[in-house]
Protein backbone atom coordinates (compact mmCIF):
# COMPACT_ATOMS: atom_id res chain seq x y z
CA UNK A 1 0.00 0.00 0.00
CA UNK A 2 0.98 3.63 -0.39
CA UNK A 3 0.98 6.35 2.25
CA UNK A 4 -2.06 7.88 0.55
CA UNK A 5 -3.98 4.58 0.58
CA UNK A 6 -3.35 4.15 4.30
CA UNK A 7 -4.45 7.74 4.96
CA UNK A 8 -7.71 7.06 3.10
CA UNK A 9 -8.35 3.92 5.20
CA UNK A 10 -7.75 5.84 8.43
CA UNK A 11 -10.00 8.70 7.29
CA UNK A 12 -12.74 6.23 6.41
CA UNK A 13 -12.52 4.55 9.83
CA UNK A 14 -12.80 7.95 11.54
CA UNK A 15 -15.88 8.82 9.46
CA UNK A 16 -17.44 5.41 10.16
CA UNK A 17 -17.00 6.09 13.90
CA UNK A 18 -19.01 9.32 13.61
CA UNK A 19 -16.18 11.87 13.69
CA UNK A 20 -14.80 14.10 10.94
CA UNK A 21 -11.25 13.38 9.75
CA UNK A 22 -9.06 16.44 9.26
CA UNK A 23 -5.34 15.95 8.61
CA UNK A 24 -4.27 12.31 8.38
CA UNK A 25 -0.50 12.19 7.94
CA UNK A 26 1.20 8.94 6.99
CA UNK A 27 4.98 9.28 6.87
CA UNK A 28 6.98 6.17 5.95
CA UNK A 29 10.66 5.30 5.61
CA UNK A 30 12.68 8.43 4.73
CA UNK A 31 9.50 10.53 4.92
CA UNK A 32 9.16 9.70 8.64
CA UNK A 33 11.93 12.23 9.40
CA UNK A 34 9.77 15.12 8.12
CA UNK A 35 7.49 16.05 11.04
CA UNK A 36 4.46 17.14 9.00
CA UNK A 37 4.90 15.30 5.72
CA UNK A 38 1.69 14.97 3.69
CA UNK A 39 0.96 11.43 2.45
CA UNK A 40 2.46 10.57 -0.92
CA UNK A 41 2.34 7.72 -3.42
CA UNK A 42 5.38 6.18 -1.75
CA UNK A 43 4.78 2.45 -1.34
CA UNK A 44 5.35 1.08 2.17
CA UNK A 45 8.23 -1.39 2.33
CA UNK A 46 9.33 -4.05 4.79
CA UNK A 47 11.59 -2.44 7.40
CA UNK A 48 9.92 0.98 7.12
CA UNK A 49 9.23 3.09 10.17
CA UNK A 50 5.78 4.67 9.77
CA UNK A 51 4.61 7.74 11.70
CA UNK A 52 0.82 8.16 11.59
CA UNK A 53 -0.52 11.50 12.88
CA UNK A 54 -4.30 11.86 12.91
CA UNK A 55 -6.45 14.89 13.67
CA UNK A 56 -10.23 14.69 13.71
CA UNK A 57 -13.17 16.59 15.16
CA UNK A 58 -16.18 15.38 17.09
CA UNK A 59 -18.89 17.94 17.92
CA UNK A 60 -16.47 20.58 16.57
CA UNK A 61 -13.71 19.73 19.09
CA UNK A 62 -10.33 18.45 17.95
CA UNK A 63 -8.39 15.38 18.91
CA UNK A 64 -4.81 14.79 17.75
CA UNK A 65 -2.95 11.48 18.04
CA UNK A 66 0.36 10.15 16.72
CA UNK A 67 1.80 6.65 16.92
CA UNK A 68 4.92 5.15 15.33
CA UNK A 69 4.97 1.64 13.86
CA UNK A 70 7.43 -0.57 11.97
CA UNK A 71 6.73 -3.07 9.20
CA UNK A 72 8.80 -6.18 9.95
CA UNK A 73 12.23 -5.91 11.56
CA UNK A 74 13.05 -2.39 12.78
CA UNK A 75 16.18 -0.57 11.66
CA UNK A 76 19.18 -0.55 13.98
CA UNK A 77 18.87 2.02 16.78
CA UNK A 78 15.06 2.08 16.43
CA UNK A 79 14.26 0.68 19.88
CA UNK A 80 16.75 3.02 21.57
CA UNK A 81 15.09 6.02 19.89
CA UNK A 82 11.52 4.76 20.38
CA UNK A 83 12.06 4.04 24.09
CA UNK A 84 13.64 7.48 24.59
CA UNK A 85 10.69 9.23 22.91
CA UNK A 86 8.22 7.16 24.97
CA UNK A 87 10.08 8.10 28.16
CA UNK A 88 10.09 11.80 27.18
CA UNK A 89 6.34 11.54 26.45
CA UNK A 90 5.58 9.84 29.76
CA UNK A 91 7.82 12.07 31.91
CA UNK A 92 6.41 15.24 30.33
CA UNK A 93 2.88 14.05 31.14
CA UNK A 94 3.91 13.13 34.70
CA UNK A 95 5.21 16.71 35.20
CA UNK A 96 1.89 18.36 34.31
CA UNK A 97 -0.14 20.07 36.98
CA UNK A 98 -2.10 23.28 37.20
CA UNK A 99 0.19 26.30 37.31
CA UNK A 100 3.35 24.87 35.76
CA UNK A 101 4.34 26.59 32.54
CA UNK A 102 4.30 25.16 29.05
CA UNK A 103 8.04 25.82 28.88
CA UNK A 104 8.57 23.74 32.03
CA UNK A 105 6.77 20.72 30.57
CA UNK A 106 8.69 21.17 27.30
CA UNK A 107 11.96 21.24 29.26
CA UNK A 108 11.17 17.85 30.83
CA UNK A 109 10.71 16.13 27.46
CA UNK A 110 13.72 17.97 26.00
CA UNK A 111 15.94 16.99 28.96
CA UNK A 112 15.13 13.28 28.54
CA UNK A 113 15.93 13.36 24.83
CA UNK A 114 19.06 15.51 25.27
CA UNK A 115 20.44 13.34 28.06
CA UNK A 116 19.82 10.35 25.79
CA UNK A 117 22.13 11.92 23.18
CA UNK A 118 19.50 13.01 20.63
CA UNK A 119 18.73 16.62 21.60
CA UNK A 120 19.69 18.03 18.20
CA UNK A 121 17.11 15.74 16.56
CA UNK A 122 14.13 17.02 18.60
CA UNK A 123 13.22 19.79 16.16
CA UNK A 124 9.75 21.00 17.21
CA UNK A 125 7.80 21.97 20.30
CA UNK A 126 6.55 19.33 22.74
CA UNK A 127 2.87 20.14 22.24
CA UNK A 128 0.04 22.58 21.61
CA UNK A 129 -3.42 23.36 22.90
CA UNK A 130 -6.39 21.69 21.24
CA UNK A 131 -10.05 22.59 21.33
CA UNK A 132 -12.04 24.42 18.70
CA UNK A 133 -8.74 24.82 16.81
CA UNK A 134 -6.13 22.13 16.25
CA UNK A 135 -3.31 24.48 17.36
CA UNK A 136 -4.18 26.99 20.07
CA UNK A 137 -3.00 28.07 23.51
CA UNK A 138 -1.57 26.81 25.72
CA UNK A 139 1.61 25.86 23.87
CA UNK A 140 4.03 23.33 25.30
CA UNK A 141 7.17 24.98 23.98
CA UNK A 142 10.46 26.47 25.11
CA UNK A 143 9.10 30.01 24.80
CA UNK A 144 5.66 29.61 26.43
CA UNK A 145 6.06 31.01 29.94
CA UNK A 146 2.37 31.14 30.89
CA UNK A 147 1.00 28.77 33.55
CA UNK A 148 -1.23 25.90 32.42
CA UNK A 149 -4.74 26.57 33.73
CA UNK A 150 -7.50 24.24 34.84
CA UNK A 151 -9.75 23.34 31.93
CA UNK A 152 -6.94 23.39 29.37
CA UNK A 153 -6.46 20.59 26.85
CA UNK A 154 -3.24 20.08 24.92
CA UNK A 155 -1.01 17.53 23.23
CA UNK A 156 2.29 16.07 24.36
CA UNK A 157 4.24 14.96 21.28
CA UNK A 158 8.01 14.67 21.57
CA UNK A 159 9.90 13.28 18.60
CA UNK A 160 13.33 12.36 17.29
CA UNK A 161 14.10 12.63 13.57
CA UNK A 162 17.32 11.09 12.23
CA UNK A 163 17.99 12.51 8.74
CA UNK A 164 18.21 9.86 6.04
CA UNK A 165 17.11 7.14 8.47
CA UNK A 166 13.80 7.38 10.35
CA UNK A 167 11.71 9.45 12.73
CA UNK A 168 9.70 8.61 15.85
CA UNK A 169 6.89 10.75 17.32
CA UNK A 170 4.37 9.82 20.00
CA UNK A 171 1.45 12.13 20.72
CA UNK A 172 -1.29 12.04 23.33
CA UNK A 173 -4.06 14.40 24.38
CA UNK A 174 -4.01 15.66 27.98
CA UNK A 175 -6.45 17.77 29.98
CA UNK A 176 -6.23 19.52 33.33
CA UNK A 177 -9.74 18.99 34.66
CA UNK A 178 -11.66 21.72 36.48
CA UNK A 179 -10.91 19.95 39.77
CA UNK A 180 -7.17 20.03 38.97
CA UNK A 181 -6.79 16.35 38.04
CA UNK A 182 -4.59 15.63 35.04
CA UNK A 183 -6.01 13.06 32.63
CA UNK A 184 -4.67 11.50 29.45
CA UNK A 185 -7.62 11.27 27.06
CA UNK A 186 -6.34 8.43 24.87
CA UNK A 187 -4.99 4.97 25.61
CA UNK A 188 -4.53 3.54 22.12
CA UNK A 189 -1.10 1.87 22.04
CA UNK A 190 -1.01 -0.69 19.22
CA UNK A 191 1.80 -3.20 18.83
CA UNK A 192 4.75 -1.30 17.42
CA UNK A 193 5.86 -4.12 15.13
CA UNK A 194 3.54 -5.11 12.30
CA UNK A 195 4.53 -8.52 10.95
CA UNK A 196 5.52 -8.45 7.30
């Protein structure tokens, strides 16, 4: 299958579930190193890393989710990079509470990836607010010094992109509830390896 064919299947599944697909990004092989690559006619091959980033709306509110998969045996260094991104994702989420700044949460994810030796390959912000827009405040970035308020919803999406090799991004949706509890709104973690 091609990236475009997979994107169409994902969009159809979202529509069948009663939501409205927006951007469905399928980035395979060398395209997985481009954070917001639009699906192409590139045919998926055994050994490819595939980053799938899906945005959709339900009752006009956005959701945004990214998972990384591999067809067959992963390339060398894949598990080291994947585990580092997953740890950055999880530690950033664990640091969230009402009143911390977006830059603080970003610094947690960035520290994990930098200490793991891949800081120069984390080339975008850690997250962004979601709601009636797919990108809105609060931003989880190095420059966002405002505190995260109760009632805010945002993504956490660290990534590592190795030029000429592969990229890994993992994205979840998080909310700070009105009572101050932090909740991750998605729990979809498919098997990373898809048998060829």
